[in-house]
Protein backbone atom coordinates (compact mmCIF):
# COMPACT_ATOMS: atom_id res chain seq x y z
CA MET A 1 -10.14 4.03 -26.78
CA THR A 2 -13.04 3.77 -24.31
CA ASP A 3 -14.30 5.98 -21.49
CA GLU A 4 -14.58 3.06 -19.02
CA GLY A 5 -11.21 3.65 -17.32
CA LEU A 6 -9.67 1.29 -14.81
CA LEU A 7 -11.89 -1.04 -12.80
CA TRP A 8 -10.90 0.53 -9.46
CA ALA A 9 -10.60 4.16 -10.54
CA ASP A 10 -12.96 6.99 -9.64
CA ALA A 11 -12.95 10.46 -11.04
CA LEU A 12 -10.97 12.70 -8.64
CA GLU A 13 -13.94 15.01 -8.15
CA ASP A 14 -15.99 12.00 -6.92
CA ALA A 15 -13.39 10.75 -4.43
CA ALA A 16 -12.62 12.15 -0.99
CA LEU A 17 -10.07 11.50 1.76
CA LYS A 18 -10.55 11.47 5.51
CA ASP A 19 -9.29 14.71 7.10
CA ASN A 20 -6.37 12.92 8.76
CA TYR A 21 -4.54 9.63 8.61
CA GLU A 22 -3.24 7.18 11.19
CA ARG A 23 0.50 6.60 11.66
CA TRP A 24 1.22 3.03 12.84
CA HIS A 25 3.57 2.71 15.83
CA THR A 26 5.05 -0.46 17.35
CA ASN A 27 6.60 -0.21 20.82
CA GLY A 28 6.40 3.58 20.50
CA LEU A 29 8.36 3.71 17.23
CA TYR A 30 6.91 4.83 13.91
CA THR A 31 7.06 1.86 11.52
CA GLY A 32 6.81 3.88 8.30
CA ASN A 33 3.24 2.67 7.81
CA SER A 34 0.34 5.09 7.65
CA TYR A 35 -3.29 4.35 6.88
CA VAL A 36 -5.67 6.68 5.07
CA THR A 37 -9.43 6.28 4.49
CA ALA A 38 -10.84 7.18 1.10
CA ARG A 39 -14.47 7.47 -0.03
CA HIS A 40 -15.25 6.21 -3.53
CA GLY A 41 -17.73 7.99 -5.77
CA ASN A 42 -20.37 5.38 -4.90
CA GLY A 43 -20.10 6.24 -1.17
CA SER A 44 -18.15 3.15 -0.07
CA HIS A 45 -15.01 3.58 2.07
CA VAL A 46 -11.65 1.86 1.90
CA THR A 47 -8.63 2.12 4.23
CA PHE A 48 -5.21 1.51 2.74
CA ASN A 49 -1.49 1.97 3.33
CA PRO A 50 0.05 4.06 0.52
CA ARG A 51 3.60 3.12 1.48
CA SER A 52 6.11 3.37 -1.35
CA GLY A 53 8.44 0.55 -0.27
CA PHE A 54 8.74 -2.54 1.90
CA TRP A 55 11.48 -1.51 4.33
CA GLY A 56 9.99 0.75 7.01
CA GLY A 57 10.85 3.56 9.35
CA GLY A 58 11.79 7.08 8.45
CA GLY A 59 8.43 8.14 7.03
CA SER A 60 8.28 6.05 3.86
CA ALA A 61 4.52 6.71 3.56
CA ASP A 62 4.66 10.42 4.42
CA HIS A 63 5.82 11.62 0.99
CA VAL A 64 3.20 9.51 -0.79
CA LEU A 65 0.46 10.77 1.57
CA ALA A 66 1.43 14.41 1.03
CA MET A 67 1.24 13.90 -2.71
CA LEU A 68 -2.10 12.04 -2.43
CA TYR A 69 -3.68 14.79 -0.31
CA SER A 70 -2.48 17.44 -2.77
CA TYR A 71 -4.23 15.64 -5.67
CA VAL A 72 -7.55 14.87 -3.94
CA PRO A 73 -8.93 18.12 -2.50
CA GLY A 74 -12.19 16.69 -1.07
CA ARG A 75 -12.38 15.35 2.47
CA CYS A 76 -14.85 12.82 3.86
C-alpha cells in the first residue's frame, strides 16, 4: 500500500468548491445538467458536470451536487 492515492485526487481539506453552481437551461427548460467549479490543492480550477446519468431533466445532477457540497466544506 502506498500513500500516493489516485492521480486526480486531492485531500478534501485542500479542495474547495465555488459558492454556487450553474444550472444549464435550453429554451427555458432545465436540462438536468449543472456545472460546478472546484479548486484543486495546487490552486488550479476545473469546471465539471457531476450528473449521475445520461438522460436529463428532473434534476439528475441536483442530488449529486448536494452530496458533493456536503463532503467538501471549503468554498473558493
